[in-house]
Amino acid sequence: MKKKSIIFLISTIVIAAIFIALTLNTPGSVDLETYSPKVYSTIGALLPPVIAIVLALITKEVYSSLFVGIVAGALLYANGNLELMLNTMLYNENGGMIYKLADSWNVGILVFLVILGIMVALMNKVGGSAAFGQWAASHIKSRVGAQLATMLLGVLIFVDDYFNCLTVGSVMRPVTDRHNVSRAKLAYIIDATAAPVCIIAPVSSWAAAVTSSVPEGSDINGFSMFLQTIPYNFYAIGTLFMIILITTMKVDFGPMKLHERNAIHNNDLFTTAARPYGDVEDNKSIQVGKVIDLVFPVIVLIVCCIIGMIYTGGFFQGESFIDAFANADASMGLVFGSMVTLIITFCFYMIRGVMTFKEFTECIPEGFKAMVAPILILTMAWTLSGMTGLLGADIYVEELVANSAGALKMFLPCIIFLVAVFLAFSTGTSWGTFGILIPIVCPVFAGKDMQEMLIISIAACLSGAVCGDHCSPISDTTIMASAGAQSDHVNHVSTQLPYALLSAFVSFAGFLVAGVIGYLTNSKMALWSLPIVMFLMVGVIFIIKKVTKNDLLSEERLEDC
């Protein structure tokens, strides 16, 4: 213990000395109107998220990794000036932590998180979760059934990925726990049916975001374009198809295999020592409730959130349903919907006589405490994304794509896919990724003779954005999937990555084929690439099953977990 203290003290002194030296190199005040960091719009702008991601995967500790990434980003922006670094990290209007927490959209998401946490606490308190678990036990007889039921619920909740992650997690946790499905596997299924479902659902907050990203004056309507990209969205469709395959064929590989076997043999849902929710009893309640105590609030939540979103889009002021979704404020709509649901749920429980006002108030801090971990991670992830934006990472990627587009049109869809994966992985945001790339792609394929290539390329952008977001440990959707499954975040990231990369490999092949066919024919013949993707996915999963043999792990190795 004494040795560790000495090492920590020496490290602190060294870091402080480096900071002082850097500050002495750039003394004096800074004119922010003309100021620009040295790494602005260069590959160095991507260094902060790379540092955070690498540290998270090495140390298995997400909070300090994100913080170090934030500090690195602020230090790069400040060119070594310590005073400017601190001001940038906390108070910069375009990326500082304080301003990120003051942003109404971000605060709305945090409020939505807290309300959902309270909803879960309420359902547990009256025994709704326990009742649903008992009902599911009599109807879902196997691990395969539990996983497919989780996927089905994820597909049904297509309105918004945040809403999807937390709702599916709270509803299905008791079911998957009963069948010894590891929390890492549950988190993967939740994450794989959140953004991938929303990006192919015409009525969703994601459809609205994509529609709004299409620049004015384009040859094609934004919503019409989104509809046409759906069959070309190979990553989203391939990921959903892969869940069905690995579940029914009982195939697990990579770190996930260890988690699943440990859950089956040792009844340990977490595997590693990191189990942030390991002491939480999901079904702990004063009394045994009824299934309606869980089903009714969830249905009301879905309905109210949809109404809340179209309300913010102007539906009740005369806008059409589709236009209202396209113009919706997802954050505000989710807060409105969840707040109304909370009130209705309380009244419903009071009428049924299963809850008192005192018990209701006791659930409020319990729900807040349950969401502290994702709130902390989200806050730092937003700040890290802000630091990356201040360094001009988006401009760097935009110039990279624009300069290489002209001579590579036939292969541009697969190139766009890779660029979108990298950008979304580094920044942790899908919306920001396709918001950057779609306006670049549209002019490249202007004209009726290139319309099919435009659709394929936009689909590649959407697929890559979802894939990178799916892989990134600093993605808000990935963070919420961990929270919904009550899984350790680093465990979720490390177990999900091989599955996401497999789907990315198959998707890349699909966009390569679609790009060649689309460029040569400019016709719907490019849709033949979708069955090719499906066939390739089946073949790869079959090969993995044969190679890994998916045999049960030895008891000795399980004990080492």
Protein backbone atom coordinates (compact mmCIF):
# COMPACT_ATOMS: atom_id res chain seq x y z
CA MET A 1 0.00 0.00 0.00
CA LYS A 2 2.89 2.34 0.85
CA LYS A 3 4.56 1.63 -2.50
CA LYS A 4 1.35 2.53 -4.39
CA SER A 5 1.09 5.80 -2.46
CA ILE A 6 4.66 6.75 -3.37
CA ILE A 7 4.04 5.93 -7.06
CA PHE A 8 0.82 7.98 -7.02
CA LEU A 9 2.62 10.93 -5.38
CA ILE A 10 5.48 10.83 -7.90
CA SER A 11 3.00 10.62 -10.79
CA THR A 12 1.09 13.62 -9.45
CA ILE A 13 4.29 15.69 -9.14
CA VAL A 14 5.38 14.74 -12.69
CA ILE A 15 1.97 15.63 -14.18
CA ALA A 16 1.90 18.94 -12.28
CA ALA A 17 5.42 19.76 -13.51
CA ILE A 18 4.42 19.04 -17.11
CA PHE A 19 1.38 21.28 -16.78
CA ILE A 20 3.48 24.11 -15.32
CA ALA A 21 6.04 23.76 -18.11
CA LEU A 22 3.33 23.83 -20.76
CA THR A 23 1.80 26.91 -19.18
CA LEU A 24 5.12 28.74 -19.10
CA ASN A 25 5.51 28.10 -22.82
CA THR A 26 2.37 30.12 -23.64
CA PRO A 27 2.00 32.89 -21.02
CA GLY A 28 -0.36 35.83 -21.21
CA SER A 29 -3.92 36.41 -22.27
CA VAL A 30 -5.53 35.02 -25.43
CA ASP A 31 -7.72 36.84 -27.96
CA LEU A 32 -10.48 34.27 -28.45
CA GLU A 33 -11.87 36.05 -31.53
CA THR A 34 -8.74 35.31 -33.55
CA TYR A 35 -7.50 32.30 -31.58
CA SER A 36 -7.04 28.89 -33.21
CA PRO A 37 -5.41 25.75 -31.80
CA LYS A 38 -2.39 24.36 -33.64
CA VAL A 39 -4.08 20.99 -34.29
CA TYR A 40 -7.30 22.56 -35.62
CA SER A 41 -8.78 20.56 -38.51
CA THR A 42 -5.90 18.07 -38.50
CA ILE A 43 -5.72 14.40 -37.60
CA GLY A 44 -4.61 15.54 -34.14
CA ALA A 45 -8.17 16.73 -33.53
CA LEU A 46 -9.18 13.08 -33.20
CA LEU A 47 -6.59 12.40 -30.48
CA PRO A 48 -8.78 13.11 -27.37
CA PRO A 49 -11.49 10.50 -28.12
CA VAL A 50 -8.82 8.02 -29.16
CA ILE A 51 -7.05 8.52 -25.82
CA ALA A 52 -10.32 8.08 -23.91
CA ILE A 53 -11.30 4.94 -25.84
CA VAL A 54 -7.89 3.27 -25.54
CA LEU A 55 -7.67 4.04 -21.82
CA ALA A 56 -11.19 2.72 -21.21
CA LEU A 57 -10.39 -0.56 -22.94
CA ILE A 58 -7.04 -0.93 -21.13
CA THR A 59 -7.97 0.21 -17.62
CA LYS A 60 -11.59 -1.04 -17.67
CA GLU A 61 -12.51 2.24 -15.96
CA VAL A 62 -14.66 4.62 -17.94
CA TYR A 63 -14.91 7.71 -15.69
CA SER A 64 -11.20 8.49 -15.43
CA SER A 65 -10.66 7.57 -19.11
CA LEU A 66 -13.27 10.06 -20.27
CA PHE A 67 -11.87 12.71 -17.94
CA VAL A 68 -8.33 12.23 -19.27
CA GLY A 69 -9.70 12.52 -22.82
CA ILE A 70 -11.45 15.78 -21.90
CA VAL A 71 -8.27 17.19 -20.33
CA ALA A 72 -6.23 16.15 -23.38
CA GLY A 73 -8.72 17.86 -25.69
CA ALA A 74 -8.77 21.06 -23.65
CA LEU A 75 -4.96 21.05 -23.46
CA LEU A 76 -4.66 20.68 -27.23
CA TYR A 77 -7.16 23.46 -27.76
CA ALA A 78 -5.27 25.73 -25.35
CA ASN A 79 -1.89 25.04 -27.00
CA GLY A 80 -0.52 24.27 -23.54
CA ASN A 81 -1.94 27.30 -21.71
CA LEU A 82 -3.21 25.90 -18.39
CA GLU A 83 -5.55 28.81 -17.64
CA LEU A 84 -7.17 28.60 -21.07
CA MET A 85 -7.35 24.82 -20.74
CA LEU A 86 -9.38 25.04 -17.52
CA ASN A 87 -11.68 27.70 -18.95
CA THR A 88 -12.19 25.66 -22.12
CA MET A 89 -12.90 22.44 -20.26
CA LEU A 90 -15.51 24.05 -18.01
CA TYR A 91 -16.84 27.25 -19.53
CA ASN A 92 -16.29 27.25 -23.29
CA GLU A 93 -19.68 28.04 -24.85
CA ASN A 94 -19.26 25.43 -27.59
CA GLY A 95 -17.83 22.54 -25.63
CA GLY A 96 -17.29 23.21 -21.91
CA MET A 97 -18.87 20.91 -19.33
CA ILE A 98 -20.88 23.67 -17.65
CA TYR A 99 -22.38 24.80 -20.96
CA LYS A 100 -23.12 21.20 -21.95
CA LEU A 101 -25.08 20.80 -18.72
CA ALA A 102 -26.81 24.13 -19.35
CA ASP A 103 -27.95 23.04 -22.81
CA SER A 104 -31.72 22.49 -22.72
CA TRP A 105 -31.56 19.46 -25.05
CA ASN A 106 -28.98 17.71 -22.86
CA VAL A 107 -30.79 18.55 -19.64
CA GLY A 108 -33.99 17.20 -21.16
CA ILE A 109 -32.30 13.85 -21.76
CA LEU A 110 -31.03 13.79 -18.17
CA VAL A 111 -34.52 14.57 -16.85
CA PHE A 112 -35.92 11.81 -19.05
CA LEU A 113 -33.34 9.41 -17.57
CA VAL A 114 -34.32 10.34 -14.02
CA ILE A 115 -38.05 9.98 -14.71
CA LEU A 116 -37.51 6.54 -16.23
CA GLY A 117 -35.45 5.60 -13.18
CA ILE A 118 -38.36 6.67 -10.97
CA MET A 119 -40.78 4.69 -13.17
CA VAL A 120 -38.68 1.55 -12.74
CA ALA A 121 -38.54 2.11 -8.98
CA LEU A 122 -42.33 2.50 -8.89
CA MET A 123 -42.93 -0.69 -10.87
CA ASN A 124 -40.56 -2.59 -8.61
CA LYS A 125 -42.19 -1.14 -5.49
CA VAL A 126 -45.69 -2.35 -6.36
CA GLY A 127 -44.41 -5.70 -7.60
CA GLY A 128 -45.09 -5.16 -11.29
CA SER A 129 -41.63 -6.34 -12.35
CA ALA A 130 -41.89 -9.43 -10.14
CA ALA A 131 -45.34 -10.25 -11.52
CA PHE A 132 -44.13 -9.87 -15.09
CA GLY A 133 -41.15 -12.09 -14.29
CA GLN A 134 -43.48 -14.79 -12.96
CA TRP A 135 -45.73 -14.47 -16.00
CA ALA A 136 -42.78 -14.63 -18.36
CA ALA A 137 -41.43 -17.70 -16.56
CA SER A 138 -44.61 -19.58 -17.39
CA HIS A 139 -44.59 -18.48 -21.04
CA ILE A 140 -40.90 -18.11 -21.94
CA LYS A 141 -39.37 -21.49 -21.31
CA SER A 142 -35.79 -21.11 -22.57
CA ARG A 143 -32.81 -18.80 -22.88
CA VAL A 144 -33.44 -18.58 -26.61
CA GLY A 145 -37.00 -17.47 -25.98
CA ALA A 146 -35.88 -14.86 -23.44
CA GLN A 147 -33.36 -13.36 -25.88
CA LEU A 148 -35.78 -13.35 -28.81
CA ALA A 149 -38.47 -11.75 -26.62
CA THR A 150 -35.99 -9.02 -25.67
CA MET A 151 -35.21 -8.42 -29.33
CA LEU A 152 -38.92 -8.33 -30.23
CA LEU A 153 -39.64 -5.71 -27.57
CA GLY A 154 -36.67 -3.68 -28.81
CA VAL A 155 -38.05 -3.78 -32.35
CA LEU A 156 -41.51 -2.73 -31.16
CA ILE A 157 -40.13 0.32 -29.33
CA PHE A 158 -38.85 2.10 -32.43
CA VAL A 159 -39.67 5.70 -31.54
CA ASP A 160 -36.35 6.68 -29.94
CA ASP A 161 -33.12 4.90 -29.01
CA TYR A 162 -32.85 6.43 -25.52
CA PHE A 163 -36.39 5.42 -24.73
CA ASN A 164 -35.73 1.98 -26.23
CA CYS A 165 -32.60 1.22 -24.17
CA LEU A 166 -34.03 2.03 -20.76
CA THR A 167 -37.53 0.64 -21.31
CA VAL A 168 -36.43 -2.70 -22.78
CA GLY A 169 -33.84 -3.08 -20.04
CA SER A 170 -36.23 -2.44 -17.17
CA VAL A 171 -38.92 -4.74 -18.61
CA MET A 172 -36.76 -7.67 -19.73
CA ARG A 173 -34.11 -7.82 -17.00
CA PRO A 174 -36.19 -10.05 -14.71
CA VAL A 175 -36.91 -12.40 -17.62
CA THR A 176 -33.33 -12.75 -18.84
CA ASP A 177 -32.02 -13.02 -15.27
CA ARG A 178 -34.37 -15.94 -14.62
CA HIS A 179 -32.91 -17.77 -17.63
CA ASN A 180 -29.29 -16.91 -16.75
CA VAL A 181 -28.64 -14.62 -19.70
CA SER A 182 -25.55 -12.58 -18.81
CA ARG A 183 -25.95 -8.84 -18.36
CA ALA A 184 -23.37 -8.32 -21.13
CA LYS A 185 -25.54 -10.29 -23.57
CA LEU A 186 -28.66 -8.42 -22.49
CA ALA A 187 -26.85 -5.09 -22.99
CA TYR A 188 -25.80 -6.19 -26.48
CA ILE A 189 -29.34 -7.15 -27.51
CA ILE A 190 -30.68 -3.85 -26.13
CA ASP A 191 -28.01 -1.82 -27.93
CA ALA A 192 -28.44 -3.80 -31.17
CA THR A 193 -32.18 -3.14 -31.23
CA ALA A 194 -31.97 0.56 -30.35
CA ALA A 195 -30.22 2.65 -33.00
CA PRO A 196 -30.36 -0.11 -35.69
CA VAL A 197 -34.15 -0.24 -35.33
CA CYS A 198 -34.64 3.53 -35.13
CA ILE A 199 -32.55 4.14 -38.28
CA ILE A 200 -34.88 1.96 -40.38
CA ALA A 201 -38.15 3.09 -38.74
CA PRO A 202 -39.93 5.83 -40.74
CA VAL A 203 -41.64 7.08 -37.57
CA SER A 204 -38.76 7.79 -35.21
CA SER A 205 -36.61 10.63 -33.94
CA TRP A 206 -33.78 9.29 -36.11
CA ALA A 207 -35.85 9.53 -39.28
CA ALA A 208 -36.53 13.14 -38.38
CA ALA A 209 -32.82 13.83 -37.85
CA VAL A 210 -31.85 12.25 -41.18
CA THR A 211 -34.58 14.14 -43.02
CA SER A 212 -33.44 17.44 -41.57
CA SER A 213 -29.80 16.73 -42.60
CA VAL A 214 -30.61 16.76 -46.33
CA PRO A 215 -29.61 20.20 -47.66
CA GLU A 216 -32.26 22.44 -49.20
CA GLY A 217 -32.38 22.41 -52.98
CA SER A 218 -31.46 18.71 -53.27
CA ASP A 219 -32.90 16.66 -56.13
CA ILE A 220 -34.81 14.43 -53.71
CA ASN A 221 -37.12 15.02 -50.76
CA GLY A 222 -35.50 14.23 -47.42
CA PHE A 223 -38.18 11.87 -46.12
CA SER A 224 -38.53 10.12 -49.47
CA MET A 225 -34.78 9.63 -49.50
CA PHE A 226 -34.87 8.13 -46.01
CA LEU A 227 -37.52 5.59 -47.06
CA GLN A 228 -35.44 4.53 -50.06
CA THR A 229 -32.32 4.01 -47.92
CA ILE A 230 -34.00 1.40 -45.69
CA PRO A 231 -33.32 -1.70 -47.87
CA TYR A 232 -29.72 -0.52 -48.34
CA ASN A 233 -29.09 -0.02 -44.62
CA PHE A 234 -27.02 -3.18 -44.42
CA TYR A 235 -25.58 -2.65 -40.94
CA ALA A 236 -28.97 -2.15 -39.26
CA ILE A 237 -30.67 -5.03 -41.09
CA GLY A 238 -27.62 -7.26 -40.78
CA THR A 239 -27.33 -6.64 -37.04
CA LEU A 240 -30.97 -7.57 -36.41
CA PHE A 241 -30.57 -10.66 -38.60
CA MET A 242 -27.39 -11.61 -36.72
CA ILE A 243 -29.20 -11.49 -33.36
CA ILE A 244 -31.68 -14.05 -34.65
CA LEU A 245 -28.89 -16.24 -36.02
CA ILE A 246 -26.61 -16.25 -32.98
CA THR A 247 -29.59 -16.78 -30.67
CA THR A 248 -31.27 -19.65 -32.53
CA MET A 249 -27.95 -21.28 -33.52
CA LYS A 250 -26.61 -20.72 -29.96
CA VAL A 251 -23.38 -19.16 -31.18
CA ASP A 252 -21.24 -16.97 -28.93
CA PHE A 253 -17.69 -15.81 -29.57
CA GLY A 254 -15.11 -13.43 -28.16
CA PRO A 255 -15.41 -12.20 -24.56
CA MET A 256 -19.20 -12.69 -24.74
CA LYS A 257 -18.71 -16.46 -24.77
CA LEU A 258 -17.00 -16.31 -21.39
CA HIS A 259 -19.78 -14.16 -19.90
CA GLU A 260 -22.52 -16.46 -21.22
CA ARG A 261 -20.91 -19.69 -20.03
CA ASN A 262 -20.23 -18.18 -16.63
CA ALA A 263 -23.87 -17.12 -16.33
CA ILE A 264 -25.04 -20.64 -17.23
CA HIS A 265 -22.67 -22.61 -14.98
CA ASN A 266 -22.01 -20.28 -12.06
CA ASN A 267 -25.26 -18.30 -12.05
CA ASP A 268 -23.04 -15.20 -12.25
CA LEU A 269 -24.59 -12.60 -14.56
CA PHE A 270 -21.63 -10.20 -14.38
CA THR A 271 -18.52 -12.45 -14.65
CA THR A 272 -16.05 -9.72 -13.71
CA ALA A 273 -15.52 -8.01 -10.37
CA ALA A 274 -17.08 -4.84 -11.78
CA ARG A 275 -20.79 -5.19 -11.07
CA PRO A 276 -22.23 -1.72 -10.40
CA TYR A 277 -25.76 -3.07 -9.89
CA GLY A 278 -24.86 -6.44 -8.41
CA ASP A 279 -26.43 -5.61 -5.04
CA VAL A 280 -29.72 -4.36 -6.52
CA GLU A 281 -32.77 -6.55 -6.19
CA ASP A 282 -34.87 -5.85 -9.28
CA ASN A 283 -37.93 -7.69 -8.06
CA LYS A 284 -37.83 -6.56 -4.47
CA SER A 285 -41.25 -5.25 -3.55
CA ILE A 286 -43.58 -4.93 -0.62
CA GLN A 287 -46.20 -7.12 -2.27
CA VAL A 288 -46.71 -9.23 -5.33
CA GLY A 289 -48.34 -7.06 -7.93
CA LYS A 290 -49.95 -7.91 -11.24
CA VAL A 291 -48.65 -7.89 -14.78
CA ILE A 292 -50.86 -4.89 -15.51
CA ASP A 293 -48.76 -2.89 -13.02
CA LEU A 294 -45.87 -3.08 -15.49
CA VAL A 295 -47.63 -3.37 -18.85
CA PHE A 296 -49.96 -0.39 -18.36
CA PRO A 297 -47.20 2.16 -17.53
CA VAL A 298 -45.05 0.94 -20.43
CA ILE A 299 -47.91 1.26 -22.94
CA VAL A 300 -48.81 4.69 -21.57
CA LEU A 301 -45.16 5.71 -21.82
CA ILE A 302 -44.96 4.69 -25.49
CA VAL A 303 -48.18 6.50 -26.38
CA CYS A 304 -47.33 9.64 -24.40
CA CYS A 305 -43.81 9.88 -25.82
CA ILE A 306 -45.13 9.63 -29.39
CA ILE A 307 -47.75 12.30 -28.63
CA GLY A 308 -45.07 14.44 -26.93
CA MET A 309 -42.80 14.26 -29.96
CA ILE A 310 -45.45 15.14 -32.54
CA TYR A 311 -46.64 17.91 -30.22
CA THR A 312 -43.21 19.53 -30.33
CA GLY A 313 -43.25 19.12 -34.12
CA GLY A 314 -46.46 21.15 -34.51
CA PHE A 315 -48.96 18.34 -35.13
CA PHE A 316 -51.65 20.08 -33.10
CA GLN A 317 -50.98 23.33 -34.96
CA GLY A 318 -51.86 21.77 -38.32
CA GLU A 319 -48.69 19.95 -39.40
CA SER A 320 -49.04 16.46 -40.87
CA PHE A 321 -47.99 13.47 -38.76
CA ILE A 322 -44.87 12.88 -40.88
CA ASP A 323 -43.87 16.56 -40.91
CA ALA A 324 -44.46 16.75 -37.15
CA PHE A 325 -42.04 13.87 -36.62
CA ALA A 326 -39.54 15.46 -38.98
CA ASN A 327 -39.64 18.70 -36.97
CA ALA A 328 -39.93 17.10 -33.51
CA ASP A 329 -37.68 17.98 -30.59
CA ALA A 330 -36.91 14.49 -29.26
CA SER A 331 -35.58 15.73 -25.93
CA MET A 332 -38.59 17.92 -25.16
CA GLY A 333 -41.06 15.33 -26.43
CA LEU A 334 -39.59 12.57 -24.28
CA VAL A 335 -39.66 14.78 -21.19
CA PHE A 336 -43.30 15.74 -21.81
CA GLY A 337 -44.30 12.14 -22.46
CA SER A 338 -42.46 10.66 -19.50
CA MET A 339 -43.69 13.35 -17.09
CA VAL A 340 -47.33 12.77 -18.06
CA THR A 341 -46.76 9.01 -17.80
CA LEU A 342 -45.34 9.41 -14.30
CA ILE A 343 -48.46 11.27 -13.16
CA ILE A 344 -50.82 8.76 -14.81
CA THR A 345 -48.90 5.83 -13.33
CA PHE A 346 -49.10 7.28 -9.82
CA CYS A 347 -52.86 7.85 -10.18
CA PHE A 348 -53.28 4.31 -11.55
CA TYR A 349 -51.44 2.78 -8.60
CA MET A 350 -53.40 4.92 -6.12
CA ILE A 351 -56.72 3.85 -7.65
CA ARG A 352 -55.65 0.21 -7.45
CA GLY A 353 -54.64 0.74 -3.84
CA VAL A 354 -51.14 -0.69 -4.26
CA MET A 355 -49.20 2.48 -3.38
CA THR A 356 -49.37 5.34 -0.91
CA PHE A 357 -48.16 8.89 -1.50
CA LYS A 358 -45.30 8.31 0.94
CA GLU A 359 -44.13 5.27 -1.02
CA PHE A 360 -44.32 7.30 -4.22
CA THR A 361 -42.07 10.03 -2.80
CA GLU A 362 -39.61 7.39 -1.55
CA CYS A 363 -39.22 6.11 -5.11
CA ILE A 364 -38.15 9.53 -6.43
CA PRO A 365 -34.65 9.57 -4.88
CA GLU A 366 -34.29 5.83 -5.54
CA GLY A 367 -34.89 6.40 -9.24
CA PHE A 368 -32.45 9.31 -9.28
CA LYS A 369 -29.73 7.28 -7.57
CA ALA A 370 -30.16 4.46 -10.09
CA MET A 371 -29.33 6.89 -12.90
CA VAL A 372 -26.30 8.63 -11.36
CA ALA A 373 -23.79 6.43 -13.23
CA PRO A 374 -25.21 7.00 -16.75
CA ILE A 375 -25.69 10.71 -15.99
CA LEU A 376 -22.01 11.06 -15.07
CA ILE A 377 -20.85 9.16 -18.14
CA LEU A 378 -23.19 11.07 -20.46
CA THR A 379 -22.00 14.40 -19.08
CA MET A 380 -18.37 13.57 -19.71
CA ALA A 381 -19.12 12.02 -23.11
CA TRP A 382 -20.90 15.22 -24.19
CA THR A 383 -17.96 17.30 -22.97
CA LEU A 384 -15.45 15.09 -24.80
CA SER A 385 -17.53 15.44 -27.96
CA GLY A 386 -17.46 19.22 -27.42
CA MET A 387 -13.66 19.20 -27.14
CA THR A 388 -13.43 17.24 -30.40
CA GLY A 389 -15.69 19.80 -32.09
CA LEU A 390 -13.56 22.70 -30.84
CA LEU A 391 -10.53 21.07 -32.45
CA GLY A 392 -12.25 20.92 -35.86
CA ALA A 393 -12.49 17.14 -36.21
CA ASP A 394 -15.68 17.48 -38.29
CA ILE A 395 -13.98 19.87 -40.73
CA TYR A 396 -11.01 17.53 -41.09
CA VAL A 397 -13.25 14.58 -41.99
CA GLU A 398 -15.37 16.73 -44.31
CA GLU A 399 -12.30 17.84 -46.30
CA LEU A 400 -10.97 14.28 -46.35
CA VAL A 401 -14.15 12.95 -47.96
CA ALA A 402 -14.65 15.88 -50.34
CA ASN A 403 -11.11 15.69 -51.71
CA SER A 404 -11.28 11.96 -52.44
CA ALA A 405 -14.84 11.70 -53.79
CA GLY A 406 -14.31 12.69 -57.41
CA ALA A 407 -12.34 9.74 -58.80
CA LEU A 408 -13.81 7.01 -56.61
CA LYS A 409 -17.54 7.22 -57.24
CA MET A 410 -17.97 3.49 -57.85
CA PHE A 411 -16.37 2.66 -54.50
CA LEU A 412 -17.62 5.72 -52.65
CA PRO A 413 -20.42 3.91 -50.72
CA CYS A 414 -17.98 1.56 -48.98
CA ILE A 415 -15.53 4.44 -48.43
CA ILE A 416 -18.28 6.58 -46.91
CA PHE A 417 -19.25 3.65 -44.70
CA LEU A 418 -15.70 3.38 -43.30
CA VAL A 419 -15.38 7.14 -42.81
CA ALA A 420 -18.73 7.27 -41.00
CA VAL A 421 -17.72 4.36 -38.77
CA PHE A 422 -14.47 6.08 -37.82
CA LEU A 423 -16.08 9.46 -37.22
CA ALA A 424 -18.98 8.08 -35.15
CA PHE A 425 -16.61 5.85 -33.17
CA SER A 426 -14.32 8.78 -32.38
CA THR A 427 -17.02 11.29 -31.50
CA GLY A 428 -19.65 8.93 -30.06
CA THR A 429 -22.50 10.46 -32.07
CA SER A 430 -24.48 9.09 -35.00
CA TRP A 431 -26.53 12.22 -35.56
CA GLY A 432 -23.44 14.41 -35.74
CA THR A 433 -21.83 11.99 -38.19
CA PHE A 434 -24.58 11.89 -40.77
CA GLY A 435 -25.19 15.58 -40.16
CA ILE A 436 -21.62 16.16 -41.41
CA LEU A 437 -21.52 13.62 -44.24
CA ILE A 438 -24.97 13.83 -45.87
CA PRO A 439 -24.52 17.44 -47.07
CA ILE A 440 -21.16 16.36 -48.57
CA VAL A 441 -22.54 13.30 -50.36
CA CYS A 442 -25.61 14.94 -51.91
CA PRO A 443 -23.70 17.23 -54.34
CA VAL A 444 -21.37 14.38 -55.39
CA PHE A 445 -24.28 12.41 -56.87
CA ALA A 446 -26.44 15.25 -58.14
CA GLY A 447 -28.64 14.52 -61.15
CA LYS A 448 -31.18 11.88 -62.14
CA ASP A 449 -28.55 9.61 -63.68
CA MET A 450 -26.87 9.14 -60.29
CA GLN A 451 -29.92 8.97 -58.03
CA GLU A 452 -29.52 5.30 -57.10
CA MET A 453 -25.89 5.90 -56.16
CA LEU A 454 -27.05 8.82 -54.01
CA ILE A 455 -29.47 6.55 -52.14
CA ILE A 456 -26.81 3.85 -51.67
CA SER A 457 -24.24 6.38 -50.46
CA ILE A 458 -26.64 8.00 -47.98
CA ALA A 459 -27.51 4.52 -46.68
CA ALA A 460 -23.77 3.82 -46.29
CA CYS A 461 -23.46 7.02 -44.29
CA LEU A 462 -26.36 6.03 -42.01
CA SER A 463 -25.07 2.47 -41.60
CA GLY A 464 -21.56 3.63 -40.78
CA ALA A 465 -22.84 6.20 -38.29
CA VAL A 466 -24.87 3.56 -36.46
CA CYS A 467 -21.97 1.08 -36.58
CA GLY A 468 -19.45 3.54 -35.15
CA ASP A 469 -21.94 4.64 -32.52
CA HIS A 470 -22.59 0.97 -31.70
CA CYS A 471 -18.87 0.29 -31.16
CA SER A 472 -17.92 3.48 -29.32
CA PRO A 473 -17.65 3.39 -25.51
CA ILE A 474 -18.35 7.14 -25.40
CA SER A 475 -21.63 6.86 -27.34
CA ASP A 476 -24.68 7.93 -25.35
CA THR A 477 -26.69 4.99 -26.77
CA THR A 478 -23.99 2.54 -25.67
CA ILE A 479 -23.95 4.13 -22.24
CA MET A 480 -27.73 3.89 -21.91
CA ALA A 481 -27.74 0.27 -23.06
CA SER A 482 -25.34 -0.49 -20.18
CA ALA A 483 -27.66 1.38 -17.82
CA GLY A 484 -30.76 -0.37 -19.14
CA ALA A 485 -29.19 -3.80 -18.71
CA GLN A 486 -27.52 -2.73 -15.45
CA SER A 487 -24.25 -4.05 -16.86
CA ASP A 488 -20.74 -2.76 -16.30
CA HIS A 489 -20.10 -0.36 -19.16
CA VAL A 490 -16.63 -1.61 -20.10
CA ASN A 491 -17.91 -5.21 -20.08
CA HIS A 492 -20.67 -4.19 -22.48
CA VAL A 493 -18.24 -2.45 -24.84
CA SER A 494 -15.65 -5.25 -24.89
CA THR A 495 -18.22 -8.03 -25.42
CA GLN A 496 -20.21 -6.13 -28.04
CA LEU A 497 -17.26 -5.05 -30.19
CA PRO A 498 -16.59 -8.41 -31.95
CA TYR A 499 -20.29 -8.74 -32.85
CA ALA A 500 -20.46 -5.19 -34.19
CA LEU A 501 -17.25 -5.62 -36.20
CA LEU A 502 -18.58 -8.82 -37.76
CA SER A 503 -21.72 -7.02 -38.91
CA ALA A 504 -19.54 -4.12 -40.12
CA PHE A 505 -17.42 -6.51 -42.23
CA VAL A 506 -20.51 -7.98 -43.90
CA SER A 507 -21.98 -4.50 -44.43
CA PHE A 508 -18.77 -3.27 -46.08
CA ALA A 509 -18.96 -6.15 -48.55
CA GLY A 510 -22.58 -5.29 -49.22
CA PHE A 511 -21.80 -1.64 -49.98
CA LEU A 512 -18.93 -2.69 -52.24
CA VAL A 513 -21.31 -4.83 -54.32
CA ALA A 514 -24.14 -2.27 -54.23
CA GLY A 515 -21.80 0.54 -55.28
CA VAL A 516 -20.52 -1.35 -58.32
CA ILE A 517 -24.01 -2.42 -59.45
CA GLY A 518 -25.53 0.99 -58.74
CA TYR A 519 -22.79 2.86 -60.62
CA LEU A 520 -23.02 0.60 -63.68
CA THR A 521 -26.82 0.35 -63.89
CA ASN A 522 -28.31 3.26 -61.85
CA SER A 523 -31.25 0.96 -61.17
CA LYS A 524 -32.91 -1.02 -58.41
CA MET A 525 -30.79 -4.02 -59.45
CA ALA A 526 -28.49 -2.87 -56.65
CA LEU A 527 -31.07 -4.24 -54.21
CA TRP A 528 -29.72 -7.70 -55.01
CA SER A 529 -26.88 -6.79 -52.65
CA LEU A 530 -29.25 -7.22 -49.66
CA PRO A 531 -29.79 -11.00 -50.11
CA ILE A 532 -26.04 -11.27 -50.73
CA VAL A 533 -25.46 -9.63 -47.33
CA MET A 534 -27.91 -12.04 -45.68
CA PHE A 535 -26.28 -15.07 -47.33
CA LEU A 536 -22.82 -13.87 -46.31
CA MET A 537 -23.98 -13.33 -42.72
CA VAL A 538 -25.34 -16.88 -42.50
CA GLY A 539 -22.10 -18.27 -43.92
CA VAL A 540 -19.87 -16.32 -41.52
CA ILE A 541 -21.93 -17.29 -38.45
CA PHE A 542 -21.89 -20.95 -39.56
CA ILE A 543 -18.10 -20.85 -39.96
CA ILE A 544 -17.67 -19.23 -36.54
CA LYS A 545 -19.80 -21.94 -34.98
CA LYS A 546 -17.68 -24.65 -36.59
CA VAL A 547 -14.36 -23.01 -35.74
CA THR A 548 -15.16 -22.13 -32.13
CA LYS A 549 -17.20 -25.33 -31.64
CA ASN A 550 -19.07 -23.33 -28.97
CA ASP A 551 -18.26 -26.00 -26.42
CA LEU A 552 -18.88 -25.31 -22.75
CA LEU A 553 -15.95 -23.75 -20.94
CA SER A 554 -14.13 -25.86 -18.42
CA GLU A 555 -15.05 -25.45 -14.79
CA GLU A 556 -11.43 -24.48 -14.05
CA ARG A 557 -11.57 -21.51 -16.41
CA LEU A 558 -14.96 -20.46 -15.13
CA GLU A 559 -13.59 -20.39 -11.59
CA ASP A 560 -10.82 -18.07 -12.83
CA CYS A 561 -13.44 -15.52 -13.86
